[in-house]
Amino acid sequence: MDKQTPHLGPEVQDMTLDELEAHNRDNFEQILKQCRVREFQNPVQALHFVGEAMDAIMQKFGIDVLKKFKATVDRAPTLKQKRRLLEKTAFYEGLMKKQGELKGVKVLNQNYHQQERFLAAKREAELAGDGGQVERLESALKNLHNAEHDMRRSGLYFYYKNEIAYFISNPVIRTKMTEGGIVIAGQKSYEVYTNAPA
């Protein structure tokens, strides 16, 4: 990994929905084979794990912004000061983005299971008069399928030189069942799929 040369070339963040989907498809299937599933009993534990996994990935790229941010929050003497720091993350986000760009790393949050995303893009394409894009998005809306697969694909994508290097899914809510397949009322678990370094 070249730590000095900024990443040049077409950026994943500038791609259309169709281009991004095609770009991700094969690469993501390989990533998903490397993913481990972590199960949590509540959403707070799942989100805490997502933060830890993100920190591990960024450190793998030599970006220690999250580690520094955590240390700053941990040093705050009162809970009120800790909360205030957690609410004002723009400085650290900007720093992480800048360091990432220097190392050829991009982080995109992608939600594949939200129909609204396709509808909004379709409206934009209609306003722009892009008939081909409207047609493709109408087809995508008709073919929304395999909701569980789509939920697993939604989350944070870490690109290195425009290829997916790491992935952390959004927590997937599961209804708990007995071994016989009977739903246990009111009991849920939260699963996170990731190939983040352990």
N, C-alpha and C. Protein backbone atom coordinates (compact mmCIF):
# COMPACT_ATOMS: atom_id res chain seq x y z
N MET A 1 0.83 -1.17 0.00
CA MET A 1 0.00 0.00 0.00
C MET A 1 0.88 1.24 0.00
N ASP A 2 0.71 2.09 -0.99
CA ASP A 2 1.50 3.32 -1.11
C ASP A 2 0.91 4.37 -0.19
N LYS A 3 1.68 4.82 0.80
CA LYS A 3 1.16 5.78 1.78
C LYS A 3 1.34 7.23 1.33
N GLN A 4 2.05 7.47 0.25
CA GLN A 4 2.34 8.83 -0.18
C GLN A 4 1.48 9.31 -1.34
N THR A 5 1.16 8.42 -2.26
CA THR A 5 0.50 8.83 -3.49
C THR A 5 -1.01 8.93 -3.31
N PRO A 6 -1.60 10.11 -3.59
CA PRO A 6 -3.06 10.21 -3.51
C PRO A 6 -3.71 9.37 -4.59
N HIS A 7 -4.89 8.89 -4.32
CA HIS A 7 -5.62 8.05 -5.28
C HIS A 7 -6.16 8.91 -6.41
N LEU A 8 -5.92 8.51 -7.63
CA LEU A 8 -6.42 9.22 -8.81
C LEU A 8 -7.30 8.28 -9.61
N GLY A 9 -8.16 8.81 -10.44
CA GLY A 9 -9.00 7.98 -11.30
C GLY A 9 -10.45 8.15 -10.96
N PRO A 10 -11.35 7.45 -11.70
CA PRO A 10 -12.78 7.60 -11.46
C PRO A 10 -13.13 7.11 -10.05
N GLU A 11 -13.94 7.88 -9.36
CA GLU A 11 -14.27 7.57 -7.97
C GLU A 11 -15.60 6.83 -7.86
N VAL A 12 -15.67 5.87 -6.96
CA VAL A 12 -16.91 5.14 -6.75
C VAL A 12 -18.02 6.08 -6.31
N GLN A 13 -17.67 7.13 -5.56
CA GLN A 13 -18.70 8.04 -5.07
C GLN A 13 -19.35 8.86 -6.18
N ASP A 14 -18.73 8.90 -7.36
CA ASP A 14 -19.27 9.65 -8.50
C ASP A 14 -20.06 8.79 -9.46
N MET A 15 -20.17 7.49 -9.19
CA MET A 15 -20.86 6.57 -10.11
C MET A 15 -22.37 6.67 -9.95
N THR A 16 -23.10 6.34 -11.03
CA THR A 16 -24.56 6.25 -10.94
C THR A 16 -24.91 4.98 -10.16
N LEU A 17 -26.19 4.86 -9.79
CA LEU A 17 -26.63 3.66 -9.06
C LEU A 17 -26.32 2.39 -9.85
N ASP A 18 -26.62 2.42 -11.15
CA ASP A 18 -26.38 1.23 -11.97
C ASP A 18 -24.89 0.90 -12.06
N GLU A 19 -24.07 1.92 -12.26
CA GLU A 19 -22.63 1.70 -12.37
C GLU A 19 -22.07 1.14 -11.06
N LEU A 20 -22.53 1.69 -9.94
CA LEU A 20 -22.06 1.23 -8.64
C LEU A 20 -22.49 -0.20 -8.38
N GLU A 21 -23.74 -0.52 -8.73
CA GLU A 21 -24.25 -1.88 -8.54
C GLU A 21 -23.43 -2.88 -9.35
N ALA A 22 -23.18 -2.56 -10.62
CA ALA A 22 -22.40 -3.46 -11.47
C ALA A 22 -20.97 -3.58 -10.96
N HIS A 23 -20.40 -2.47 -10.51
CA HIS A 23 -19.03 -2.45 -10.01
C HIS A 23 -18.90 -3.33 -8.76
N ASN A 24 -19.91 -3.26 -7.91
CA ASN A 24 -19.86 -3.96 -6.62
C ASN A 24 -20.18 -5.45 -6.71
N ARG A 25 -20.99 -5.84 -7.69
CA ARG A 25 -21.59 -7.17 -7.68
C ARG A 25 -20.58 -8.31 -7.48
N ASP A 26 -19.62 -8.43 -8.36
CA ASP A 26 -18.67 -9.55 -8.28
C ASP A 26 -17.76 -9.42 -7.07
N ASN A 27 -17.29 -8.21 -6.84
CA ASN A 27 -16.38 -7.97 -5.72
C ASN A 27 -17.07 -8.29 -4.39
N PHE A 28 -18.35 -7.91 -4.28
CA PHE A 28 -19.05 -8.13 -3.02
C PHE A 28 -19.27 -9.61 -2.74
N GLU A 29 -19.55 -10.39 -3.76
CA GLU A 29 -19.76 -11.83 -3.55
C GLU A 29 -18.51 -12.46 -2.93
N GLN A 30 -17.33 -12.03 -3.36
CA GLN A 30 -16.08 -12.52 -2.79
C GLN A 30 -15.93 -12.07 -1.33
N ILE A 31 -16.27 -10.80 -1.09
CA ILE A 31 -16.18 -10.25 0.27
C ILE A 31 -17.13 -10.99 1.21
N LEU A 32 -18.36 -11.26 0.73
CA LEU A 32 -19.36 -11.92 1.58
C LEU A 32 -18.89 -13.31 2.02
N LYS A 33 -18.11 -13.99 1.17
CA LYS A 33 -17.57 -15.31 1.54
C LYS A 33 -16.59 -15.20 2.70
N GLN A 34 -15.95 -14.04 2.85
CA GLN A 34 -14.97 -13.83 3.93
C GLN A 34 -15.61 -13.29 5.21
N CYS A 35 -16.89 -12.89 5.11
CA CYS A 35 -17.55 -12.25 6.26
C CYS A 35 -17.88 -13.26 7.36
N ARG A 36 -17.73 -12.79 8.57
CA ARG A 36 -18.18 -13.53 9.75
C ARG A 36 -19.46 -12.87 10.24
N VAL A 37 -20.29 -13.64 10.91
CA VAL A 37 -21.54 -13.10 11.46
C VAL A 37 -21.38 -13.01 12.96
N ARG A 38 -21.66 -11.82 13.50
CA ARG A 38 -21.66 -11.63 14.96
C ARG A 38 -23.09 -11.35 15.39
N GLU A 39 -23.55 -12.05 16.42
CA GLU A 39 -24.92 -11.88 16.90
C GLU A 39 -24.92 -11.16 18.24
N PHE A 40 -25.86 -10.22 18.40
CA PHE A 40 -25.97 -9.42 19.61
C PHE A 40 -27.41 -9.43 20.11
N GLN A 41 -27.54 -9.22 21.42
CA GLN A 41 -28.87 -9.29 22.03
C GLN A 41 -29.62 -7.96 21.98
N ASN A 42 -28.89 -6.86 21.77
CA ASN A 42 -29.58 -5.57 21.67
C ASN A 42 -28.88 -4.67 20.66
N PRO A 43 -29.57 -3.64 20.16
CA PRO A 43 -28.99 -2.80 19.10
C PRO A 43 -27.79 -1.99 19.55
N VAL A 44 -27.71 -1.65 20.83
CA VAL A 44 -26.58 -0.86 21.34
C VAL A 44 -25.29 -1.68 21.21
N GLN A 45 -25.35 -2.95 21.60
CA GLN A 45 -24.17 -3.83 21.46
C GLN A 45 -23.76 -3.95 19.99
N ALA A 46 -24.75 -4.09 19.10
CA ALA A 46 -24.45 -4.23 17.67
C ALA A 46 -23.78 -2.98 17.13
N LEU A 47 -24.29 -1.80 17.49
CA LEU A 47 -23.71 -0.55 17.02
C LEU A 47 -22.32 -0.32 17.60
N HIS A 48 -22.11 -0.73 18.84
CA HIS A 48 -20.79 -0.63 19.46
C HIS A 48 -19.78 -1.49 18.67
N PHE A 49 -20.22 -2.68 18.30
CA PHE A 49 -19.36 -3.56 17.51
C PHE A 49 -19.04 -2.94 16.14
N VAL A 50 -20.04 -2.32 15.50
CA VAL A 50 -19.82 -1.67 14.21
C VAL A 50 -18.72 -0.61 14.35
N GLY A 51 -18.76 0.18 15.44
CA GLY A 51 -17.73 1.19 15.68
C GLY A 51 -16.35 0.57 15.85
N GLU A 52 -16.28 -0.53 16.61
CA GLU A 52 -14.99 -1.22 16.82
C GLU A 52 -14.46 -1.81 15.51
N ALA A 53 -15.36 -2.38 14.70
CA ALA A 53 -14.94 -2.97 13.42
C ALA A 53 -14.44 -1.87 12.48
N MET A 54 -15.13 -0.74 12.48
CA MET A 54 -14.70 0.38 11.64
C MET A 54 -13.32 0.88 12.06
N ASP A 55 -13.09 0.96 13.36
CA ASP A 55 -11.78 1.39 13.86
C ASP A 55 -10.69 0.40 13.44
N ALA A 56 -10.98 -0.90 13.53
CA ALA A 56 -9.99 -1.93 13.14
C ALA A 56 -9.65 -1.81 11.66
N ILE A 57 -10.67 -1.56 10.83
CA ILE A 57 -10.43 -1.41 9.39
C ILE A 57 -9.59 -0.17 9.11
N MET A 58 -9.96 0.95 9.71
CA MET A 58 -9.22 2.19 9.46
C MET A 58 -7.77 2.07 9.93
N GLN A 59 -7.55 1.40 11.05
CA GLN A 59 -6.17 1.21 11.52
C GLN A 59 -5.39 0.32 10.55
N LYS A 60 -6.07 -0.65 9.93
CA LYS A 60 -5.42 -1.51 8.94
C LYS A 60 -4.90 -0.67 7.77
N PHE A 61 -5.62 0.40 7.44
CA PHE A 61 -5.20 1.31 6.39
C PHE A 61 -4.21 2.37 6.89
N GLY A 62 -3.89 2.34 8.18
CA GLY A 62 -2.96 3.32 8.75
C GLY A 62 -3.64 4.63 9.11
N ILE A 63 -4.95 4.60 9.30
CA ILE A 63 -5.72 5.79 9.66
C ILE A 63 -6.18 5.60 11.10
N ASP A 64 -5.62 6.42 12.00
CA ASP A 64 -5.92 6.21 13.43
C ASP A 64 -6.83 7.29 14.02
N VAL A 65 -7.63 7.94 13.19
CA VAL A 65 -8.51 9.03 13.65
C VAL A 65 -9.52 8.52 14.68
N LEU A 66 -10.15 7.38 14.41
CA LEU A 66 -11.16 6.86 15.34
C LEU A 66 -10.53 6.49 16.68
N LYS A 67 -9.34 5.96 16.64
CA LYS A 67 -8.62 5.61 17.88
C LYS A 67 -8.37 6.87 18.70
N LYS A 68 -7.94 7.95 18.03
CA LYS A 68 -7.69 9.22 18.72
C LYS A 68 -8.99 9.81 19.26
N PHE A 69 -10.06 9.71 18.47
CA PHE A 69 -11.36 10.23 18.91
C PHE A 69 -11.83 9.48 20.16
N LYS A 70 -11.71 8.15 20.14
CA LYS A 70 -12.11 7.34 21.30
C LYS A 70 -11.31 7.74 22.53
N ALA A 71 -10.00 7.95 22.36
CA ALA A 71 -9.14 8.34 23.48
C ALA A 71 -9.57 9.70 24.03
N THR A 72 -9.94 10.62 23.14
CA THR A 72 -10.40 11.95 23.57
C THR A 72 -11.69 11.83 24.38
N VAL A 73 -12.63 11.02 23.89
CA VAL A 73 -13.90 10.82 24.61
C VAL A 73 -13.64 10.15 25.95
N ASP A 74 -12.77 9.14 25.97
CA ASP A 74 -12.47 8.43 27.23
C ASP A 74 -11.85 9.35 28.28
N ARG A 75 -11.06 10.35 27.82
CA ARG A 75 -10.41 11.27 28.76
C ARG A 75 -11.35 12.33 29.33
N ALA A 76 -12.50 12.54 28.68
CA ALA A 76 -13.44 13.55 29.17
C ALA A 76 -13.88 13.18 30.58
N PRO A 77 -13.78 14.13 31.54
CA PRO A 77 -14.03 13.78 32.94
C PRO A 77 -15.49 13.52 33.30
N THR A 78 -16.45 14.09 32.58
CA THR A 78 -17.85 13.90 32.95
C THR A 78 -18.63 13.30 31.78
N LEU A 79 -19.75 12.69 32.13
CA LEU A 79 -20.63 12.09 31.12
C LEU A 79 -21.16 13.18 30.18
N LYS A 80 -21.45 14.36 30.72
CA LYS A 80 -21.95 15.47 29.90
C LYS A 80 -20.91 15.87 28.84
N GLN A 81 -19.65 15.93 29.24
CA GLN A 81 -18.58 16.28 28.29
C GLN A 81 -18.38 15.18 27.25
N LYS A 82 -18.51 13.94 27.68
CA LYS A 82 -18.41 12.82 26.74
C LYS A 82 -19.51 12.92 25.68
N ARG A 83 -20.74 13.17 26.12
CA ARG A 83 -21.86 13.30 25.18
C ARG A 83 -21.65 14.46 24.22
N ARG A 84 -21.15 15.58 24.74
CA ARG A 84 -20.91 16.75 23.90
C ARG A 84 -19.88 16.41 22.81
N LEU A 85 -18.83 15.68 23.17
CA LEU A 85 -17.82 15.26 22.19
C LEU A 85 -18.43 14.33 21.14
N LEU A 86 -19.28 13.40 21.59
CA LEU A 86 -19.90 12.45 20.68
C LEU A 86 -20.86 13.13 19.70
N GLU A 87 -21.43 14.27 20.10
CA GLU A 87 -22.34 15.01 19.22
C GLU A 87 -21.59 15.84 18.19
N LYS A 88 -20.34 16.17 18.46
CA LYS A 88 -19.58 17.05 17.57
C LYS A 88 -18.45 16.27 16.92
N THR A 89 -18.81 15.50 15.92
CA THR A 89 -17.83 14.62 15.28
C THR A 89 -17.35 15.13 13.93
N ALA A 90 -17.84 16.29 13.48
CA ALA A 90 -17.53 16.78 12.13
C ALA A 90 -16.02 16.92 11.91
N PHE A 91 -15.29 17.40 12.92
CA PHE A 91 -13.84 17.58 12.77
C PHE A 91 -13.16 16.24 12.49
N TYR A 92 -13.53 15.22 13.27
CA TYR A 92 -12.92 13.89 13.12
C TYR A 92 -13.34 13.24 11.80
N GLU A 93 -14.60 13.44 11.41
CA GLU A 93 -15.06 12.89 10.13
C GLU A 93 -14.27 13.50 8.97
N GLY A 94 -14.08 14.82 9.02
CA GLY A 94 -13.31 15.50 7.98
C GLY A 94 -11.87 15.02 7.93
N LEU A 95 -11.27 14.86 9.12
CA LEU A 95 -9.89 14.39 9.20
C LEU A 95 -9.76 12.96 8.66
N MET A 96 -10.74 12.11 8.99
CA MET A 96 -10.71 10.73 8.52
C MET A 96 -10.87 10.70 7.00
N LYS A 97 -11.76 11.53 6.46
CA LYS A 97 -11.95 11.58 5.01
C LYS A 97 -10.68 12.05 4.31
N LYS A 98 -10.03 13.07 4.87
CA LYS A 98 -8.81 13.61 4.27
C LYS A 98 -7.69 12.56 4.28
N GLN A 99 -7.49 11.90 5.43
CA GLN A 99 -6.46 10.86 5.51
C GLN A 99 -6.78 9.70 4.56
N GLY A 100 -8.07 9.37 4.48
CA GLY A 100 -8.49 8.29 3.58
C GLY A 100 -8.19 8.62 2.13
N GLU A 101 -8.47 9.85 1.72
CA GLU A 101 -8.20 10.25 0.34
C GLU A 101 -6.71 10.16 0.01
N LEU A 102 -5.87 10.51 0.96
CA LEU A 102 -4.42 10.42 0.72
C LEU A 102 -3.96 8.98 0.54
N LYS A 103 -4.69 8.05 1.14
CA LYS A 103 -4.29 6.65 1.07
C LYS A 103 -5.13 5.85 0.06
N GLY A 104 -6.01 6.53 -0.68
CA GLY A 104 -6.83 5.83 -1.67
C GLY A 104 -8.00 5.07 -1.07
N VAL A 105 -8.47 5.50 0.12
CA VAL A 105 -9.56 4.82 0.82
C VAL A 105 -10.81 5.70 0.79
N LYS A 106 -11.93 5.10 0.41
CA LYS A 106 -13.23 5.76 0.43
C LYS A 106 -14.17 4.90 1.25
N VAL A 107 -15.02 5.55 2.03
CA VAL A 107 -16.03 4.84 2.81
C VAL A 107 -17.39 5.34 2.34
N LEU A 108 -18.24 4.42 1.88
CA LEU A 108 -19.58 4.78 1.44
C LEU A 108 -20.60 3.96 2.21
N ASN A 109 -21.66 4.63 2.64
CA ASN A 109 -22.77 3.94 3.30
C ASN A 109 -23.81 3.67 2.22
N GLN A 110 -24.08 2.39 1.95
CA GLN A 110 -25.01 2.03 0.88
C GLN A 110 -26.16 1.21 1.45
N ASN A 111 -27.37 1.61 1.10
CA ASN A 111 -28.55 0.90 1.56
C ASN A 111 -29.28 0.32 0.36
N TYR A 112 -29.18 -0.99 0.22
CA TYR A 112 -29.77 -1.66 -0.93
C TYR A 112 -31.22 -2.07 -0.71
N HIS A 113 -31.67 -2.11 0.52
CA HIS A 113 -33.00 -2.64 0.77
C HIS A 113 -34.06 -1.55 0.86
N GLN A 114 -33.72 -0.32 0.55
CA GLN A 114 -34.69 0.75 0.70
C GLN A 114 -35.26 1.15 -0.65
N GLN A 115 -36.54 0.88 -0.81
CA GLN A 115 -37.23 1.19 -2.04
C GLN A 115 -37.19 2.70 -2.32
N GLU A 116 -37.20 3.50 -1.26
CA GLU A 116 -37.21 4.96 -1.41
C GLU A 116 -35.99 5.44 -2.20
N ARG A 117 -34.88 4.76 -2.04
CA ARG A 117 -33.64 5.14 -2.74
C ARG A 117 -33.85 5.06 -4.25
N PHE A 118 -34.49 3.99 -4.70
CA PHE A 118 -34.76 3.83 -6.13
C PHE A 118 -35.78 4.85 -6.61
N LEU A 119 -36.80 5.10 -5.81
CA LEU A 119 -37.83 6.06 -6.21
C LEU A 119 -37.26 7.47 -6.34
N ALA A 120 -36.41 7.86 -5.40
CA ALA A 120 -35.79 9.19 -5.46
C ALA A 120 -34.90 9.32 -6.68
N ALA A 121 -34.12 8.28 -6.97
CA ALA A 121 -33.24 8.31 -8.14
C ALA A 121 -34.07 8.34 -9.42
N LYS A 122 -35.20 7.64 -9.43
CA LYS A 122 -36.07 7.64 -10.61
C LYS A 122 -36.62 9.05 -10.86
N ARG A 123 -37.05 9.72 -9.78
CA ARG A 123 -37.57 11.09 -9.91
C ARG A 123 -36.50 12.02 -10.47
N GLU A 124 -35.26 11.87 -9.97
CA GLU A 124 -34.15 12.70 -10.48
C GLU A 124 -33.91 12.43 -11.96
N ALA A 125 -33.95 11.16 -12.35
CA ALA A 125 -33.72 10.81 -13.76
C ALA A 125 -34.84 11.36 -14.64
N GLU A 126 -36.09 11.32 -14.13
CA GLU A 126 -37.22 11.88 -14.88
C GLU A 126 -37.04 13.38 -15.09
N LEU A 127 -36.64 14.08 -14.03
CA LEU A 127 -36.41 15.52 -14.13
C LEU A 127 -35.28 15.85 -15.10
N ALA A 128 -34.27 14.98 -15.15
CA ALA A 128 -33.13 15.20 -16.04
C ALA A 128 -33.43 14.74 -17.47
N GLY A 129 -34.57 14.09 -17.67
CA GLY A 129 -34.93 13.61 -19.00
C GLY A 129 -34.11 12.41 -19.46
N ASP A 130 -33.58 11.64 -18.51
CA ASP A 130 -32.76 10.47 -18.84
C ASP A 130 -33.66 9.23 -18.90
N GLY A 131 -34.24 8.98 -20.09
CA GLY A 131 -35.18 7.87 -20.26
C GLY A 131 -34.58 6.51 -19.96
N GLY A 132 -33.32 6.31 -20.36
CA GLY A 132 -32.65 5.03 -20.11
C GLY A 132 -32.51 4.74 -18.63
N GLN A 133 -32.12 5.75 -17.87
CA GLN A 133 -31.97 5.58 -16.41
C GLN A 133 -33.33 5.33 -15.76
N VAL A 134 -34.38 6.04 -16.22
CA VAL A 134 -35.73 5.84 -15.68
C VAL A 134 -36.16 4.39 -15.91
N GLU A 135 -35.91 3.89 -17.12
CA GLU A 135 -36.28 2.51 -17.46
C GLU A 135 -35.54 1.50 -16.58
N ARG A 136 -34.24 1.72 -16.38
CA ARG A 136 -33.45 0.80 -15.54
C ARG A 136 -33.95 0.82 -14.09
N LEU A 137 -34.28 2.02 -13.59
CA LEU A 137 -34.75 2.12 -12.21
C LEU A 137 -36.14 1.51 -12.05
N GLU A 138 -37.00 1.66 -13.05
CA GLU A 138 -38.32 1.01 -13.00
C GLU A 138 -38.14 -0.50 -12.95
N SER A 139 -37.21 -1.02 -13.73
CA SER A 139 -36.92 -2.46 -13.73
C SER A 139 -36.40 -2.89 -12.36
N ALA A 140 -35.51 -2.08 -11.78
CA ALA A 140 -34.95 -2.40 -10.46
C ALA A 140 -36.06 -2.43 -9.41
N LEU A 141 -37.00 -1.50 -9.49
CA LEU A 141 -38.11 -1.46 -8.53
C LEU A 141 -39.00 -2.70 -8.67
N LYS A 142 -39.23 -3.14 -9.92
CA LYS A 142 -40.06 -4.33 -10.15
C LYS A 142 -39.37 -5.59 -9.64
N ASN A 143 -38.04 -5.58 -9.71
CA ASN A 143 -37.28 -6.79 -9.39
C ASN A 143 -36.71 -6.81 -7.97
N LEU A 144 -37.19 -5.91 -7.11
CA LEU A 144 -36.72 -5.97 -5.72
C LEU A 144 -37.09 -7.33 -5.17
N HIS A 145 -36.10 -8.08 -4.77
CA HIS A 145 -36.33 -9.43 -4.30
C HIS A 145 -35.27 -9.81 -3.28
N ASN A 146 -35.46 -10.92 -2.68
CA ASN A 146 -34.49 -11.47 -1.74
C ASN A 146 -34.12 -10.43 -0.68
N ALA A 147 -35.13 -10.01 0.10
CA ALA A 147 -34.94 -8.92 1.06
C ALA A 147 -33.82 -9.22 2.05
N GLU A 148 -33.66 -10.47 2.46
CA GLU A 148 -32.60 -10.78 3.43
C GLU A 148 -31.23 -10.54 2.82
N HIS A 149 -31.05 -10.97 1.58
CA HIS A 149 -29.76 -10.74 0.91
C HIS A 149 -29.50 -9.24 0.81
N ASP A 150 -30.52 -8.47 0.45
CA ASP A 150 -30.36 -7.03 0.33
C ASP A 150 -30.03 -6.39 1.67
N MET A 151 -30.64 -6.89 2.76
CA MET A 151 -30.34 -6.33 4.08
C MET A 151 -28.89 -6.60 4.46
N ARG A 152 -28.42 -7.79 4.12
CA ARG A 152 -27.02 -8.11 4.44
C ARG A 152 -26.06 -7.24 3.64
N ARG A 153 -26.46 -6.80 2.46
CA ARG A 153 -25.59 -5.99 1.61
C ARG A 153 -25.59 -4.52 2.02
N SER A 154 -26.54 -4.10 2.84
CA SER A 154 -26.61 -2.69 3.24
C SER A 154 -25.66 -2.43 4.39
N GLY A 155 -24.87 -1.36 4.25
CA GLY A 155 -23.93 -1.03 5.31
C GLY A 155 -22.79 -0.18 4.81
N LEU A 156 -21.65 -0.27 5.49
CA LEU A 156 -20.47 0.52 5.16
C LEU A 156 -19.54 -0.26 4.24
N TYR A 157 -19.22 0.33 3.11
CA TYR A 157 -18.29 -0.25 2.15
C TYR A 157 -16.99 0.55 2.21
N PHE A 158 -15.89 -0.15 2.39
CA PHE A 158 -14.57 0.48 2.45
C PHE A 158 -13.85 0.12 1.15
N TYR A 159 -13.63 1.11 0.32
CA TYR A 159 -12.97 0.91 -0.96
C TYR A 159 -11.51 1.30 -0.85
N TYR A 160 -10.66 0.46 -1.42
CA TYR A 160 -9.25 0.82 -1.56
C TYR A 160 -8.95 0.78 -3.05
N LYS A 161 -8.56 1.90 -3.59
CA LYS A 161 -8.33 2.04 -5.04
C LYS A 161 -9.53 1.53 -5.83
N ASN A 162 -10.72 1.95 -5.40
CA ASN A 162 -11.99 1.69 -6.08
C ASN A 162 -12.47 0.23 -6.04
N GLU A 163 -11.84 -0.62 -5.25
CA GLU A 163 -12.34 -1.98 -5.07
C GLU A 163 -12.73 -2.17 -3.61
N ILE A 164 -13.77 -2.95 -3.37
CA ILE A 164 -14.21 -3.19 -1.99
C ILE A 164 -13.14 -3.98 -1.28
N ALA A 165 -12.64 -3.42 -0.19
CA ALA A 165 -11.64 -4.12 0.62
C ALA A 165 -12.29 -4.69 1.88
N TYR A 166 -13.19 -3.90 2.48
CA TYR A 166 -13.85 -4.33 3.72
C TYR A 166 -15.31 -3.91 3.67
N PHE A 167 -16.10 -4.59 4.50
CA PHE A 167 -17.53 -4.32 4.55
C PHE A 167 -18.02 -4.56 5.97
N ILE A 168 -18.93 -3.70 6.43
CA ILE A 168 -19.63 -3.91 7.70
C ILE A 168 -21.11 -3.70 7.41
N SER A 169 -21.92 -4.72 7.62
CA SER A 169 -23.36 -4.58 7.35
C SER A 169 -24.02 -3.73 8.43
N ASN A 170 -25.15 -3.14 8.06
CA ASN A 170 -26.01 -2.55 9.08
C ASN A 170 -26.51 -3.72 9.93
N PRO A 171 -26.79 -3.50 11.22
CA PRO A 171 -27.33 -4.60 12.02
C PRO A 171 -28.63 -5.14 11.40
N VAL A 172 -28.69 -6.45 11.21
CA VAL A 172 -29.88 -7.11 10.65
C VAL A 172 -30.68 -7.67 11.82
N ILE A 173 -31.95 -7.25 11.90
CA ILE A 173 -32.80 -7.69 13.02
C ILE A 173 -33.36 -9.07 12.70
N ARG A 174 -33.22 -9.97 13.65
CA ARG A 174 -33.73 -11.33 13.51
C ARG A 174 -34.75 -11.60 14.61
N THR A 175 -35.85 -12.23 14.25
CA THR A 175 -36.81 -12.69 15.24
C THR A 175 -36.33 -14.04 15.71
N LYS A 176 -36.25 -14.20 17.02
CA LYS A 176 -35.75 -15.48 17.55
C LYS A 176 -36.80 -16.57 17.40
N MET A 177 -36.29 -17.78 17.12
CA MET A 177 -37.17 -18.95 16.95
C MET A 177 -36.61 -20.13 17.72
N THR A 178 -37.50 -21.06 18.01
CA THR A 178 -37.06 -22.31 18.63
C THR A 178 -36.48 -23.17 17.51
N GLU A 179 -35.86 -24.28 17.87
CA GLU A 179 -35.29 -25.18 16.85
C GLU A 179 -36.36 -25.75 15.94
N GLY A 180 -37.58 -25.79 16.42
CA GLY A 180 -38.68 -26.30 15.60
C GLY A 180 -39.26 -25.24 14.67
N GLY A 181 -38.73 -24.02 14.72
CA GLY A 181 -39.19 -22.95 13.82
C GLY A 181 -40.34 -22.14 14.38
N ILE A 182 -40.60 -22.25 15.69
CA ILE A 182 -41.66 -21.46 16.30
C ILE A 182 -41.09 -20.12 16.75
N VAL A 183 -41.77 -19.04 16.35
CA VAL A 183 -41.31 -17.68 16.69
C VAL A 183 -41.47 -17.45 18.18
N ILE A 184 -40.43 -16.93 18.82
CA ILE A 184 -40.49 -16.58 20.24
C ILE A 184 -40.91 -15.12 20.31
N ALA A 185 -42.12 -14.88 20.76
CA ALA A 185 -42.70 -13.53 20.75
C ALA A 185 -41.84 -12.53 21.52
N GLY A 186 -41.60 -11.40 20.88
CA GLY A 186 -40.91 -10.30 21.54
C GLY A 186 -39.40 -10.44 21.66
N GLN A 187 -38.83 -11.54 21.19
CA GLN A 187 -37.38 -11.72 21.31
C GLN A 187 -36.71 -11.55 19.95
N LYS A 188 -35.73 -10.67 19.94
CA LYS A 188 -35.00 -10.39 18.70
C LYS A 188 -33.51 -10.46 18.96
N SER A 189 -32.76 -10.68 17.89
CA SER A 189 -31.31 -10.57 17.96
C SER A 189 -30.88 -9.68 16.80
N TYR A 190 -29.63 -9.25 16.84
CA TYR A 190 -29.11 -8.31 15.85
C TYR A 190 -27.81 -8.89 15.30
N GLU A 191 -27.75 -9.09 14.00
CA GLU A 191 -26.57 -9.69 13.38
C GLU A 191 -25.82 -8.66 12.56
N VAL A 192 -24.49 -8.72 12.63
CA VAL A 192 -23.64 -7.85 11.82
C VAL A 192 -22.70 -8.75 11.02
N TYR A 193 -22.66 -8.54 9.72
CA TYR A 193 -21.78 -9.28 8.82
C TYR A 193 -20.58 -8.40 8.49
N THR A 194 -19.39 -8.92 8.68
CA THR A 194 -18.19 -8.12 8.35
C THR A 194 -16.98 -8.99 8.08
N ASN A 195 -16.08 -8.45 7.29
CA ASN A 195 -14.78 -9.08 7.09
C ASN A 195 -13.68 -8.22 7.72
N ALA A 196 -14.08 -7.38 8.68
CA ALA A 196 -13.12 -6.53 9.39
C ALA A 196 -12.08 -7.40 10.09
N PRO A 197 -10.83 -6.90 10.20
CA PRO A 197 -9.80 -7.67 10.90
C PRO A 197 -10.23 -7.93 12.34
N ALA A 198 -10.00 -9.13 12.82
CA ALA A 198 -10.40 -9.50 14.19
C ALA A 198 -9.48 -8.88 15.22
